C-alpha atoms as a PDB file:
ATOM      1  CA  MET A   1     -21.785  14.614 -25.732  1.00  0.00           C
ATOM      2  CA  THR A   2     -25.349  15.861 -26.195  1.00  0.00           C
ATOM      3  CA  SER A   3     -27.279  17.158 -23.268  1.00  0.00           C
ATOM      4  CA  SER A   4     -30.379  19.188 -22.565  1.00  0.00           C
ATOM      5  CA  PHE A   5     -28.106  22.226 -22.362  1.00  0.00           C
ATOM      6  CA  ASP A   6     -26.735  21.939 -25.893  1.00  0.00           C
ATOM      7  CA  THR A   7     -27.956  24.764 -28.137  1.00  0.00           C
ATOM      8  CA  GLY A   8     -25.078  25.159 -30.534  1.00  0.00           C
ATOM      9  CA  GLY A   9     -22.273  25.788 -28.040  1.00  0.00           C
ATOM     10  CA  SER A  10     -23.148  29.427 -27.304  1.00  0.00           C
ATOM     11  CA  SER A  11     -21.557  31.188 -24.346  1.00  0.00           C
ATOM     12  CA  THR A  12     -24.984  31.252 -22.656  1.00  0.00           C
ATOM     13  CA  THR A  13     -25.245  27.467 -23.015  1.00  0.00           C
ATOM     14  CA  ILE A  14     -21.758  26.911 -21.595  1.00  0.00           C
ATOM     15  CA  SER A  15     -22.544  29.200 -18.662  1.00  0.00           C
ATOM     16  CA  ALA A  16     -25.702  27.207 -17.970  1.00  0.00           C
ATOM     17  CA  ARG A  17     -23.746  23.943 -18.023  1.00  0.00           C
ATOM     18  CA  ILE A  18     -21.120  25.413 -15.669  1.00  0.00           C
ATOM     19  CA  ARG A  19     -23.824  26.441 -13.181  1.00  0.00           C
ATOM     20  CA  ALA A  20     -25.585  23.086 -13.464  1.00  0.00           C
ATOM     21  CA  LEU A  21     -22.396  21.137 -12.720  1.00  0.00           C
ATOM     22  CA  ALA A  22     -21.608  23.461  -9.813  1.00  0.00           C
ATOM     23  CA  ALA A  23     -25.091  22.785  -8.432  1.00  0.00           C
ATOM     24  CA  GLU A  24     -24.224  19.086  -8.485  1.00  0.00           C
ATOM     25  CA  GLY A  25     -21.314  19.826  -6.150  1.00  0.00           C
ATOM     26  CA  LEU A  26     -18.426  19.640  -8.638  1.00  0.00           C
ATOM     27  CA  ALA A  27     -15.331  21.739  -7.978  1.00  0.00           C
ATOM     28  CA  THR A  28     -14.514  24.522 -10.421  1.00  0.00           C
ATOM     29  CA  ALA A  29     -11.410  22.695 -11.686  1.00  0.00           C
ATOM     30  CA  GLU A  30     -13.407  19.541 -12.375  1.00  0.00           C
ATOM     31  CA  ILE A  31     -16.087  21.553 -14.225  1.00  0.00           C
ATOM     32  CA  ALA A  32     -13.409  23.113 -16.436  1.00  0.00           C
ATOM     33  CA  ARG A  33     -11.908  19.711 -17.179  1.00  0.00           C
ATOM     34  CA  ARG A  34     -15.234  18.135 -18.070  1.00  0.00           C
ATOM     35  CA  LEU A  35     -16.285  20.946 -20.373  1.00  0.00           C
ATOM     36  CA  GLY A  36     -12.827  21.396 -21.915  1.00  0.00           C
ATOM     37  CA  ILE A  37     -12.663  25.074 -20.982  1.00  0.00           C
ATOM     38  CA  ARG A  38     -10.182  27.212 -19.062  1.00  0.00           C
ATOM     39  CA  TYR A  39     -10.408  27.278 -15.264  1.00  0.00           C
ATOM     40  CA  GLN A  40     -10.773  31.073 -15.223  1.00  0.00           C
ATOM     41  CA  HIS A  41     -13.787  30.854 -17.570  1.00  0.00           C
ATOM     42  CA  ALA A  42     -15.656  28.549 -15.189  1.00  0.00           C
ATOM     43  CA  TYR A  43     -14.514  30.548 -12.150  1.00  0.00           C
ATOM     44  CA  LYS A  44     -15.733  33.868 -13.583  1.00  0.00           C
ATOM     45  CA  VAL A  45     -19.135  32.426 -14.514  1.00  0.00           C
ATOM     46  CA  LEU A  46     -19.656  31.045 -11.008  1.00  0.00           C
ATOM     47  CA  LYS A  47     -18.345  34.185  -9.339  1.00  0.00           C
ATOM     48  CA  VAL A  48     -20.711  36.406 -11.357  1.00  0.00           C
ATOM     49  CA  ASN A  49     -23.567  34.019 -10.593  1.00  0.00           C
ATOM     50  CA  ASP A  50     -22.916  34.360  -6.855  1.00  0.00           C
ATOM     51  CA  ARG A  51     -22.979  38.139  -6.863  1.00  0.00           C
ATOM     52  CA  PRO A  52     -26.046  39.788  -5.330  1.00  0.00           C
ATOM     53  CA  SER A  53     -28.280  41.652  -7.742  1.00  0.00           C
ATOM     54  CA  VAL A  54     -27.400  45.317  -8.120  1.00  0.00           C
ATOM     55  CA  PRO A  55     -30.236  47.763  -7.424  1.00  0.00           C
ATOM     56  CA  ALA A  56     -31.259  50.219 -10.104  1.00  0.00           C
ATOM     57  CA  VAL A  57     -29.210  53.397 -10.243  1.00  0.00           C
ATOM     58  CA  SER A  58     -30.934  56.440  -8.787  1.00  0.00           C
ATOM     59  CA  ARG A  59     -31.546  59.240 -11.245  1.00  0.00           C
ATOM     60  CA  LYS A  60     -30.805  61.850  -8.575  1.00  0.00           C
ATOM     61  CA  GLY A  61     -27.078  61.660  -9.126  1.00  0.00           C
ATOM     62  CA  PRO A  62     -24.163  59.637 -10.480  1.00  0.00           C
ATOM     63  CA  SER A  63     -23.923  56.004  -9.483  1.00  0.00           C
ATOM     64  CA  ALA A  64     -21.530  55.019  -6.742  1.00  0.00           C
ATOM     65  CA  PRO A  65     -18.307  53.449  -7.950  1.00  0.00           C
ATOM     66  CA  SER A  66     -18.387  49.646  -8.013  1.00  0.00           C
ATOM     67  CA  GLN A  67     -16.214  47.732  -5.592  1.00  0.00           C
ATOM     68  CA  THR A  68     -12.826  47.078  -7.104  1.00  0.00           C
ATOM     69  CA  ALA A  69     -12.121  43.394  -7.674  1.00  0.00           C
ATOM     70  CA  LYS A  70      -9.289  42.010  -5.606  1.00  0.00           C
ATOM     71  CA  PRO A  71      -6.041  41.339  -7.512  1.00  0.00           C
ATOM     72  CA  PRO A  72      -4.447  37.904  -7.853  1.00  0.00           C
ATOM     73  CA  LEU A  73      -1.571  36.974  -5.546  1.00  0.00           C
ATOM     74  CA  PRO A  74       1.614  36.364  -7.599  1.00  0.00           C
ATOM     75  CA  VAL A  75       4.273  34.064  -6.193  1.00  0.00           C
ATOM     76  CA  SER A  76       6.758  36.940  -6.431  1.00  0.00           C
ATOM     77  CA  VAL A  77       4.756  38.818  -3.773  1.00  0.00           C
ATOM     78  CA  LEU A  78       4.848  35.767  -1.511  1.00  0.00           C
ATOM     79  CA  ILE A  79       8.609  35.400  -1.929  1.00  0.00           C
ATOM     80  CA  ASP A  80       9.195  39.105  -1.305  1.00  0.00           C
ATOM     81  CA  GLY A  81       7.105  38.772   1.862  1.00  0.00           C
ATOM     82  CA  GLY A  82       9.187  35.925   3.259  1.00  0.00           C
ATOM     83  CA  PHE A  83       7.515  32.791   1.875  1.00  0.00           C
ATOM     84  CA  ALA A  84       9.742  29.959   0.639  1.00  0.00           C
ATOM     85  CA  LEU A  85       9.121  26.977  -1.612  1.00  0.00           C
ATOM     86  CA  ALA A  86       8.625  23.907   0.601  1.00  0.00           C
ATOM     87  CA  GLY A  87       7.465  21.241  -1.816  1.00  0.00           C
ATOM     88  CA  ARG A  88       5.004  20.197  -4.508  1.00  0.00           C
ATOM     89  CA  TRP A  89       1.743  18.298  -4.497  1.00  0.00           C
ATOM     90  CA  MET A  90       1.968  15.073  -6.486  1.00  0.00           C
ATOM     91  CA  MET A  91      -0.115  11.955  -7.133  1.00  0.00           C
ATOM     92  CA  SER A  92       1.392   8.733  -5.790  1.00  0.00           C
ATOM     93  CA  PRO A  93       1.317   5.454  -7.762  1.00  0.00           C
ATOM     94  CA  ALA A  94      -1.671   4.528  -5.581  1.00  0.00           C
ATOM     95  CA  ASP A  95      -3.466   7.723  -6.725  1.00  0.00           C
ATOM     96  CA  GLU A  96      -3.078   9.390  -3.340  1.00  0.00           C
ATOM     97  CA  LEU A  97      -2.280  13.065  -2.843  1.00  0.00           C
ATOM     98  CA  VAL A  98       1.240  13.434  -1.424  1.00  0.00           C
ATOM     99  CA  VAL A  99       3.968  16.067  -1.007  1.00  0.00           C
ATOM    100  CA  ASP A 100       7.354  15.375  -2.595  1.00  0.00           C
ATOM    101  CA  LEU A 101       9.435  16.747   0.320  1.00  0.00           C
ATOM    102  CA  PRO A 102       9.244  16.768   4.136  1.00  0.00           C
ATOM    103  CA  LEU A 103       7.386  19.881   5.309  1.00  0.00           C
ATOM    104  CA  PRO A 104       8.170  22.152   8.281  1.00  0.00           C
ATOM    105  CA  LYS A 105       6.576  21.161  11.587  1.00  0.00           C
ATOM    106  CA  GLU A 106       6.266  24.749  12.824  1.00  0.00           C
ATOM    107  CA  VAL A 107       3.024  26.702  13.040  1.00  0.00           C
ATOM    108  CA  GLY A 108       2.765  28.901   9.953  1.00  0.00           C
ATOM    109  CA  VAL A 109       0.989  29.949   6.777  1.00  0.00           C
ATOM    110  CA  TYR A 110       0.973  27.976   3.522  1.00  0.00           C
ATOM    111  CA  ALA A 111      -0.010  28.818  -0.046  1.00  0.00           C
ATOM    112  CA  PHE A 112      -0.862  26.543  -2.974  1.00  0.00           C
ATOM    113  CA  VAL A 113       0.533  28.039  -6.175  1.00  0.00           C
ATOM    114  CA  LYS A 114      -0.426  27.138  -9.732  1.00  0.00           C
ATOM    115  CA  ASP A 115       1.163  28.768 -12.785  1.00  0.00           C
ATOM    116  CA  GLY A 116       2.829  31.430 -10.635  1.00  0.00           C
ATOM    117  CA  ILE A 117      -0.404  32.512  -8.885  1.00  0.00           C
ATOM    118  CA  ALA A 118      -1.520  31.579  -5.376  1.00  0.00           C
ATOM    119  CA  HIS A 119      -4.931  29.891  -5.468  1.00  0.00           C
ATOM    120  CA  TYR A 120      -5.247  29.030  -1.782  1.00  0.00           C
ATOM    121  CA  VAL A 121      -3.861  30.327   1.506  1.00  0.00           C
ATOM    122  CA  GLY A 122      -4.288  28.674   4.891  1.00  0.00           C
ATOM    123  CA  VAL A 123      -2.985  28.794   8.448  1.00  0.00           C
ATOM    124  CA  ALA A 124      -1.563  25.703  10.147  1.00  0.00           C
ATOM    125  CA  THR A 125      -2.030  26.150  13.883  1.00  0.00           C
ATOM    126  CA  MET A 126      -1.198  22.465  14.454  1.00  0.00           C
ATOM    127  CA  GLY A 127       1.971  22.713  12.353  1.00  0.00           C
ATOM    128  CA  ILE A 128       2.405  22.891   8.585  1.00  0.00           C
ATOM    129  CA  SER A 129       3.390  19.246   8.079  1.00  0.00           C
ATOM    130  CA  LYS A 130       0.489  17.889  10.110  1.00  0.00           C
ATOM    131  CA  ARG A 131      -2.066  20.235   8.534  1.00  0.00           C
ATOM    132  CA  LEU A 132      -1.104  19.373   4.978  1.00  0.00           C
ATOM    133  CA  TYR A 133      -1.090  15.662   5.809  1.00  0.00           C
ATOM    134  CA  PHE A 134      -4.862  15.891   6.243  1.00  0.00           C
ATOM    135  CA  TYR A 135      -5.297  17.300   2.740  1.00  0.00           C
ATOM    136  CA  GLY A 136      -3.880  14.031   1.428  1.00  0.00           C
ATOM    137  CA  ARG A 137      -5.902  11.882   3.852  1.00  0.00           C
ATOM    138  CA  PRO A 138      -8.911  13.923   4.977  1.00  0.00           C
ATOM    139  CA  GLY A 139     -11.045  12.708   7.847  1.00  0.00           C
ATOM    140  CA  ILE A 140     -14.749  12.120   7.416  1.00  0.00           C
ATOM    141  CA  SER A 141     -15.624  15.361   9.234  1.00  0.00           C
ATOM    142  CA  GLN A 142     -12.907  17.536   7.648  1.00  0.00           C
ATOM    143  CA  ARG A 143     -14.948  19.303   4.998  1.00  0.00           C
ATOM    144  CA  THR A 144     -12.249  21.788   3.960  1.00  0.00           C
ATOM    145  CA  SER A 145      -9.652  19.025   3.632  1.00  0.00           C
ATOM    146  CA  GLN A 146     -12.076  16.903   1.613  1.00  0.00           C
ATOM    147  CA  ARG A 147     -12.873  19.828  -0.705  1.00  0.00           C
ATOM    148  CA  LEU A 148      -9.224  20.734  -1.267  1.00  0.00           C
ATOM    149  CA  ASN A 149      -8.307  17.066  -1.762  1.00  0.00           C
ATOM    150  CA  LYS A 150     -10.770  16.851  -4.659  1.00  0.00           C
ATOM    151  CA  THR A 151      -9.682  20.211  -6.073  1.00  0.00           C
ATOM    152  CA  LEU A 152      -5.963  19.383  -5.961  1.00  0.00           C
ATOM    153  CA  LYS A 153      -6.477  15.961  -7.537  1.00  0.00           C
ATOM    154  CA  ALA A 154      -8.550  17.465 -10.343  1.00  0.00           C
ATOM    155  CA  GLU A 155      -5.933  20.165 -10.945  1.00  0.00           C
ATOM    156  CA  LEU A 156      -3.051  17.667 -10.978  1.00  0.00           C
ATOM    157  CA  ALA A 157      -4.883  15.661 -13.610  1.00  0.00           C
ATOM    158  CA  VAL A 158      -4.420  18.558 -16.036  1.00  0.00           C
ATOM    159  CA  ALA A 159      -1.609  20.670 -14.510  1.00  0.00           C
ATOM    160  CA  GLY A 160       2.077  19.892 -14.208  1.00  0.00           C
ATOM    161  CA  SER A 161       2.335  20.582 -10.493  1.00  0.00           C
ATOM    162  CA  ILE A 162       0.948  22.560  -7.585  1.00  0.00           C
ATOM    163  CA  LYS A 163       3.714  24.203  -5.550  1.00  0.00           C
ATOM    164  CA  ILE A 164       3.567  24.766  -1.799  1.00  0.00           C
ATOM    165  CA  TYR A 165       5.052  27.936  -0.292  1.00  0.00           C
ATOM    166  CA  VAL A 166       5.274  28.447   3.457  1.00  0.00           C
ATOM    167  CA  ALA A 167       6.059  31.221   5.930  1.00  0.00           C
ATOM    168  CA  VAL A 168       6.557  31.123   9.689  1.00  0.00           C
ATOM    169  CA  PRO A 169       5.872  34.659  10.989  1.00  0.00           C
ATOM    170  CA  PRO A 170       6.551  35.460  14.659  1.00  0.00           C
ATOM    171  CA  ASP A 171       3.805  36.070  17.182  1.00  0.00           C
ATOM    172  CA  LEU A 172       3.459  39.690  18.300  1.00  0.00           C
ATOM    173  CA  GLU A 173       2.075  41.836  21.103  1.00  0.00           C
ATOM    174  CA  TRP A 174      -0.322  44.753  20.971  1.00  0.00           C
ATOM    175  CA  ASN A 175      -0.689  46.832  24.155  1.00  0.00           C
ATOM    176  CA  GLY A 176       0.547  43.858  26.117  1.00  0.00           C
ATOM    177  CA  LEU A 177      -1.921  41.461  24.483  1.00  0.00           C
ATOM    178  CA  PRO A 178      -0.887  38.438  22.362  1.00  0.00           C
ATOM    179  CA  VAL A 179      -1.313  38.579  18.579  1.00  0.00           C
ATOM    180  CA  HIS A 180      -1.100  35.369  16.547  1.00  0.00           C
ATOM    181  CA  GLY A 181       1.261  36.189  13.670  1.00  0.00           C
ATOM    182  CA  SER A 182       0.261  33.301  11.391  1.00  0.00           C
ATOM    183  CA  ALA A 183      -3.483  33.786  11.793  1.00  0.00           C
ATOM    184  CA  GLY A 184      -3.125  37.511  11.128  1.00  0.00           C
ATOM    185  CA  LEU A 185      -1.041  36.940   7.996  1.00  0.00           C
ATOM    186  CA  GLU A 186      -3.532  34.434   6.591  1.00  0.00           C
ATOM    187  CA  LEU A 187      -6.478  36.768   7.173  1.00  0.00           C
ATOM    188  CA  GLY A 188      -4.592  39.720   5.687  1.00  0.00           C
ATOM    189  CA  LEU A 189      -3.834  37.810   2.485  1.00  0.00           C
ATOM    190  CA  ILE A 190      -7.421  36.577   2.139  1.00  0.00           C
ATOM    191  CA  LYS A 191      -8.701  40.111   2.691  1.00  0.00           C
ATOM    192  CA  LYS A 192      -6.422  41.697   0.086  1.00  0.00           C
ATOM    193  CA  TYR A 193      -6.087  39.125  -2.705  1.00  0.00           C
ATOM    194  CA  ASP A 194      -8.310  37.030  -4.941  1.00  0.00           C
ATOM    195  CA  LEU A 195      -7.767  33.391  -3.916  1.00  0.00           C
ATOM    196  CA  PRO A 196     -10.179  31.227  -5.955  1.00  0.00           C
ATOM    197  CA  TRP A 197      -9.881  28.080  -3.816  1.00  0.00           C
ATOM    198  CA  ASN A 198     -10.565  29.911  -0.548  1.00  0.00           C
ATOM    199  CA  VAL A 199     -14.254  29.693   0.305  1.00  0.00           C
ATOM    200  CA  ARG A 200     -14.024  32.003   3.315  1.00  0.00           C
ATOM    201  CA  GLY A 201     -13.871  35.649   2.319  1.00  0.00           C
ATOM    202  CA  ALA A 202     -12.844  38.657   4.344  1.00  0.00           C
ATOM    203  CA  GLY A 203     -15.110  41.645   4.301  1.00  0.00           C
END
């Protein structure tokens, strides 16, 4: 397909096409599928594009070390931390997003895993089963559910499966005050690991 971006297929041209499609509101997985490139290629281009410009280095001394990129979250780390496989995302014959097994009803944390790496982590304060139901049938005002619905469908069009791992940590106390175990675990994982489908970061 010829477009105004085509200049011989250079890496600069591909990067421009990735940014243009992202500006149109396409998910990273859909951009990768359309351009026939790897997901990580599109993700890195968009991530670099979102970084703030770096000021010039002062000549008075050595530059400060750059912030270390967060590592990916392997499924082995989840399992070692108490997560368990609960099911897989699938497409139904009616092209709806469904889970192949009944999910726990407890409040907890869930992770979407592709190719052995967690791409998304969330907390289900209403219960895991109910929360994930809305990813398959998002309401008109549920922007996160709508976004993940599109992302998961695009990924399942090219990937074998997206696995769902869950954990149900206990609530705690600190100096007599209540601490929500699931919310704390979710935030801790987002803060420490690179989760490409999570829009919210943790500074």
